[in-house]
């Protein structure tokens, strides 16, 4: 299993049959001489479509082998997939917004609780000061009688 890439021959040779999604399929050998790997496209034009590519791509030594596994999709199928992607994206954004709002709600609840606690402490101090002042006034009034 060589990892060096030579000039690309035709990818007509393949390894023994392997099961892919229930189908018995021959996995093509890439130009590097190793079994290619099956991947799924997530681009707008080919969303969900599977393809074979060089396994060495992830190591930065790709021979640039590429072969579609799935047949071309009909126009109706593309429209359906496009709508599914749009709904998925809207749902993802809604979940992201809800998560952000929940985080903000929690932050505000903590802030309110802190403010209420501080208000309670301040009110208690004010009541103590009022009581002291009232006592002093009372004492002073009775002292001059």
C-alpha atoms as a PDB file:
ATOM      1  CA  UNK A   1       0.000   0.000   0.000  1.00  0.00           C
ATOM      2  CA  UNK A   2       1.989   2.914  -1.290  1.00  0.00           C
ATOM      3  CA  UNK A   3       1.423   6.380   0.052  1.00  0.00           C
ATOM      4  CA  UNK A   4       3.240   8.239  -2.715  1.00  0.00           C
ATOM      5  CA  UNK A   5       1.231   9.475  -5.662  1.00  0.00           C
ATOM      6  CA  UNK A   6       2.372   8.882  -9.240  1.00  0.00           C
ATOM      7  CA  UNK A   7       0.839  10.157 -12.434  1.00  0.00           C
ATOM      8  CA  UNK A   8      -2.826   9.170 -12.374  1.00  0.00           C
ATOM      9  CA  UNK A   9      -3.686   5.922 -14.177  1.00  0.00           C
ATOM     10  CA  UNK A  10      -7.306   5.006 -14.823  1.00  0.00           C
ATOM     11  CA  UNK A  11      -9.080   4.007 -11.617  1.00  0.00           C
ATOM     12  CA  UNK A  12     -10.431   0.847 -13.203  1.00  0.00           C
ATOM     13  CA  UNK A  13      -8.863  -1.555 -10.719  1.00  0.00           C
ATOM     14  CA  UNK A  14     -10.757  -2.193  -7.502  1.00  0.00           C
ATOM     15  CA  UNK A  15     -10.379  -4.225  -4.335  1.00  0.00           C
ATOM     16  CA  UNK A  16     -12.584  -7.102  -3.299  1.00  0.00           C
ATOM     17  CA  UNK A  17     -16.267  -6.459  -2.775  1.00  0.00           C
ATOM     18  CA  UNK A  18     -17.180  -4.662   0.427  1.00  0.00           C
ATOM     19  CA  UNK A  19     -20.603  -3.893   1.840  1.00  0.00           C
ATOM     20  CA  UNK A  20     -21.552  -0.195   1.687  1.00  0.00           C
ATOM     21  CA  UNK A  21     -25.029   0.617   2.905  1.00  0.00           C
ATOM     22  CA  UNK A  22     -26.213  -2.941   2.285  1.00  0.00           C
ATOM     23  CA  UNK A  23     -24.846  -3.006  -1.276  1.00  0.00           C
ATOM     24  CA  UNK A  24     -21.966  -5.219  -2.271  1.00  0.00           C
ATOM     25  CA  UNK A  25     -19.726  -2.658  -3.943  1.00  0.00           C
ATOM     26  CA  UNK A  26     -16.143  -2.711  -5.130  1.00  0.00           C
ATOM     27  CA  UNK A  27     -14.195   0.081  -3.493  1.00  0.00           C
ATOM     28  CA  UNK A  28     -12.049   1.806  -6.110  1.00  0.00           C
ATOM     29  CA  UNK A  29      -8.302   1.981  -5.711  1.00  0.00           C
ATOM     30  CA  UNK A  30      -7.031   5.561  -5.872  1.00  0.00           C
ATOM     31  CA  UNK A  31      -3.967   6.686  -7.817  1.00  0.00           C
ATOM     32  CA  UNK A  32      -1.836   6.136  -4.685  1.00  0.00           C
ATOM     33  CA  UNK A  33      -2.634   2.426  -4.899  1.00  0.00           C
ATOM     34  CA  UNK A  34      -4.810   2.208  -1.769  1.00  0.00           C
ATOM     35  CA  UNK A  35      -8.531   1.773  -1.260  1.00  0.00           C
ATOM     36  CA  UNK A  36     -10.321   5.104  -1.535  1.00  0.00           C
ATOM     37  CA  UNK A  37     -12.722   6.218   1.178  1.00  0.00           C
ATOM     38  CA  UNK A  38     -16.430   6.916   0.871  1.00  0.00           C
ATOM     39  CA  UNK A  39     -17.474  10.434   1.918  1.00  0.00           C
ATOM     40  CA  UNK A  40     -20.627  12.545   1.754  1.00  0.00           C
ATOM     41  CA  UNK A  41     -20.848  15.940   0.063  1.00  0.00           C
ATOM     42  CA  UNK A  42     -22.413  18.841   1.955  1.00  0.00           C
ATOM     43  CA  UNK A  43     -22.198  21.470  -0.766  1.00  0.00           C
ATOM     44  CA  UNK A  44     -25.306  23.234  -2.099  1.00  0.00           C
ATOM     45  CA  UNK A  45     -25.130  21.528  -5.478  1.00  0.00           C
ATOM     46  CA  UNK A  46     -24.387  17.988  -4.259  1.00  0.00           C
ATOM     47  CA  UNK A  47     -25.756  17.865  -0.725  1.00  0.00           C
ATOM     48  CA  UNK A  48     -25.999  14.283   0.563  1.00  0.00           C
ATOM     49  CA  UNK A  49     -24.386  12.762  -2.501  1.00  0.00           C
ATOM     50  CA  UNK A  50     -21.650  10.224  -1.712  1.00  0.00           C
ATOM     51  CA  UNK A  51     -18.287   9.971  -3.427  1.00  0.00           C
ATOM     52  CA  UNK A  52     -14.970   8.160  -3.223  1.00  0.00           C
ATOM     53  CA  UNK A  53     -11.777  10.114  -2.667  1.00  0.00           C
ATOM     54  CA  UNK A  54      -8.136   9.501  -1.818  1.00  0.00           C
ATOM     55  CA  UNK A  55      -7.676   8.388   1.787  1.00  0.00           C
ATOM     56  CA  UNK A  56      -4.360  10.282   1.920  1.00  0.00           C
ATOM     57  CA  UNK A  57      -6.205  13.617   1.631  1.00  0.00           C
ATOM     58  CA  UNK A  58      -6.376  13.884   5.425  1.00  0.00           C
ATOM     59  CA  UNK A  59      -2.572  13.511   5.546  1.00  0.00           C
ATOM     60  CA  UNK A  60      -1.971  16.231   2.946  1.00  0.00           C
ATOM     61  CA  UNK A  61      -0.714  13.780   0.303  1.00  0.00           C
ATOM     62  CA  UNK A  62      -3.798  13.340  -1.862  1.00  0.00           C
ATOM     63  CA  UNK A  63      -3.515  12.061  -5.404  1.00  0.00           C
ATOM     64  CA  UNK A  64      -6.772  13.963  -6.030  1.00  0.00           C
ATOM     65  CA  UNK A  65      -8.697  10.779  -6.899  1.00  0.00           C
ATOM     66  CA  UNK A  66     -12.445  11.415  -7.090  1.00  0.00           C
ATOM     67  CA  UNK A  67     -15.360   9.249  -8.195  1.00  0.00           C
ATOM     68  CA  UNK A  68     -19.085   9.659  -7.533  1.00  0.00           C
ATOM     69  CA  UNK A  69     -20.719   6.735  -5.728  1.00  0.00           C
ATOM     70  CA  UNK A  70     -24.326   7.907  -6.017  1.00  0.00           C
ATOM     71  CA  UNK A  71     -26.000   8.607  -9.368  1.00  0.00           C
ATOM     72  CA  UNK A  72     -27.019  12.181 -10.224  1.00  0.00           C
ATOM     73  CA  UNK A  73     -30.120  13.338  -8.365  1.00  0.00           C
ATOM     74  CA  UNK A  74     -33.283  14.364 -10.195  1.00  0.00           C
ATOM     75  CA  UNK A  75     -34.530  17.971 -10.024  1.00  0.00           C
ATOM     76  CA  UNK A  76     -37.344  17.040  -7.621  1.00  0.00           C
ATOM     77  CA  UNK A  77     -34.876  15.334  -5.277  1.00  0.00           C
ATOM     78  CA  UNK A  78     -32.654  18.423  -5.297  1.00  0.00           C
ATOM     79  CA  UNK A  79     -35.641  20.648  -4.457  1.00  0.00           C
ATOM     80  CA  UNK A  80     -36.680  18.367  -1.595  1.00  0.00           C
ATOM     81  CA  UNK A  81     -33.134  18.268  -0.219  1.00  0.00           C
ATOM     82  CA  UNK A  82     -32.842  22.034  -0.557  1.00  0.00           C
ATOM     83  CA  UNK A  83     -36.035  22.522   1.471  1.00  0.00           C
ATOM     84  CA  UNK A  84     -34.838  20.061   4.103  1.00  0.00           C
ATOM     85  CA  UNK A  85     -31.537  21.942   4.393  1.00  0.00           C
ATOM     86  CA  UNK A  86     -33.385  25.279   4.718  1.00  0.00           C
ATOM     87  CA  UNK A  87     -35.636  23.901   7.462  1.00  0.00           C
ATOM     88  CA  UNK A  88     -32.642  22.370   9.215  1.00  0.00           C
ATOM     89  CA  UNK A  89     -30.795  25.698   9.084  1.00  0.00           C
ATOM     90  CA  UNK A  90     -33.828  27.594  10.408  1.00  0.00           C
ATOM     91  CA  UNK A  91     -34.200  25.079  13.231  1.00  0.00           C
ATOM     92  CA  UNK A  92     -30.490  25.304  14.042  1.00  0.00           C
ATOM     93  CA  UNK A  93     -30.679  29.107  14.175  1.00  0.00           C
ATOM     94  CA  UNK A  94     -33.833  28.995  16.332  1.00  0.00           C
ATOM     95  CA  UNK A  95     -32.136  26.606  18.765  1.00  0.00           C
ATOM     96  CA  UNK A  96     -29.072  28.848  18.864  1.00  0.00           C
ATOM     97  CA  UNK A  97     -31.255  31.908  19.581  1.00  0.00           C
ATOM     98  CA  UNK A  98     -33.226  30.055  22.275  1.00  0.00           C
ATOM     99  CA  UNK A  99     -29.982  28.968  23.907  1.00  0.00           C
ATOM    100  CA  UNK A 100     -28.658  32.537  23.837  1.00  0.00           C
ATOM    101  CA  UNK A 101     -31.919  33.863  25.304  1.00  0.00           C
ATOM    102  CA  UNK A 102     -31.877  31.233  28.054  1.00  0.00           C
ATOM    103  CA  UNK A 103     -28.303  32.231  28.934  1.00  0.00           C
ATOM    104  CA  UNK A 104     -29.313  35.908  29.070  1.00  0.00           C
ATOM    105  CA  UNK A 105     -32.410  35.072  31.121  1.00  0.00           C
ATOM    106  CA  UNK A 106     -30.224  33.198  33.642  1.00  0.00           C
ATOM    107  CA  UNK A 107     -27.768  36.122  33.772  1.00  0.00           C
ATOM    108  CA  UNK A 108     -30.605  38.610  34.359  1.00  0.00           C
ATOM    109  CA  UNK A 109     -32.167  36.402  37.040  1.00  0.00           C
ATOM    110  CA  UNK A 110     -28.818  36.296  38.880  1.00  0.00           C
ATOM    111  CA  UNK A 111     -28.457  40.077  38.533  1.00  0.00           C
ATOM    112  CA  UNK A 112     -31.965  40.650  39.873  1.00  0.00           C
ATOM    113  CA  UNK A 113     -31.330  38.301  42.797  1.00  0.00           C
ATOM    114  CA  UNK A 114     -28.094  40.173  43.599  1.00  0.00           C
ATOM    115  CA  UNK A 115     -29.867  43.545  43.369  1.00  0.00           C
ATOM    116  CA  UNK A 116     -32.714  42.328  45.591  1.00  0.00           C
ATOM    117  CA  UNK A 117     -30.192  41.073  48.148  1.00  0.00           C
ATOM    118  CA  UNK A 118     -28.324  44.388  48.069  1.00  0.00           C
ATOM    119  CA  UNK A 119     -31.624  46.287  48.354  1.00  0.00           C
ATOM    120  CA  UNK A 120     -32.564  44.200  51.379  1.00  0.00           C
ATOM    121  CA  UNK A 121     -29.209  44.928  53.052  1.00  0.00           C
ATOM    122  CA  UNK A 122     -29.493  48.638  52.247  1.00  0.00           C
ATOM    123  CA  UNK A 123     -33.066  48.787  53.553  1.00  0.00           C
ATOM    124  CA  UNK A 124     -32.010  47.069  56.781  1.00  0.00           C
ATOM    125  CA  UNK A 125     -29.152  49.581  57.246  1.00  0.00           C
ATOM    126  CA  UNK A 126     -31.520  52.474  56.584  1.00  0.00           C
ATOM    127  CA  UNK A 127     -33.999  51.138  59.150  1.00  0.00           C
ATOM    128  CA  UNK A 128     -31.197  50.789  61.709  1.00  0.00           C
ATOM    129  CA  UNK A 129     -30.067  54.366  61.036  1.00  0.00           C
ATOM    130  CA  UNK A 130     -33.660  55.598  61.299  1.00  0.00           C
ATOM    131  CA  UNK A 131     -34.089  53.818  64.605  1.00  0.00           C
ATOM    132  CA  UNK A 132     -30.838  55.376  65.953  1.00  0.00           C
ATOM    133  CA  UNK A 133     -31.876  58.858  64.799  1.00  0.00           C
ATOM    134  CA  UNK A 134     -35.351  58.438  66.300  1.00  0.00           C
ATOM    135  CA  UNK A 135     -33.812  57.330  69.581  1.00  0.00           C
ATOM    136  CA  UNK A 136     -31.445  60.319  69.595  1.00  0.00           C
ATOM    137  CA  UNK A 137     -34.300  62.712  68.855  1.00  0.00           C
ATOM    138  CA  UNK A 138     -36.408  61.125  71.559  1.00  0.00           C
ATOM    139  CA  UNK A 139     -33.528  61.323  74.003  1.00  0.00           C
ATOM    140  CA  UNK A 140     -32.817  64.971  73.124  1.00  0.00           C
ATOM    141  CA  UNK A 141     -36.478  65.978  73.473  1.00  0.00           C
ATOM    142  CA  UNK A 142     -36.747  64.440  76.915  1.00  0.00           C
ATOM    143  CA  UNK A 143     -33.413  65.878  77.966  1.00  0.00           C
ATOM    144  CA  UNK A 144     -34.670  69.498  77.512  1.00  0.00           C
ATOM    145  CA  UNK A 145     -38.002  69.128  79.304  1.00  0.00           C
END
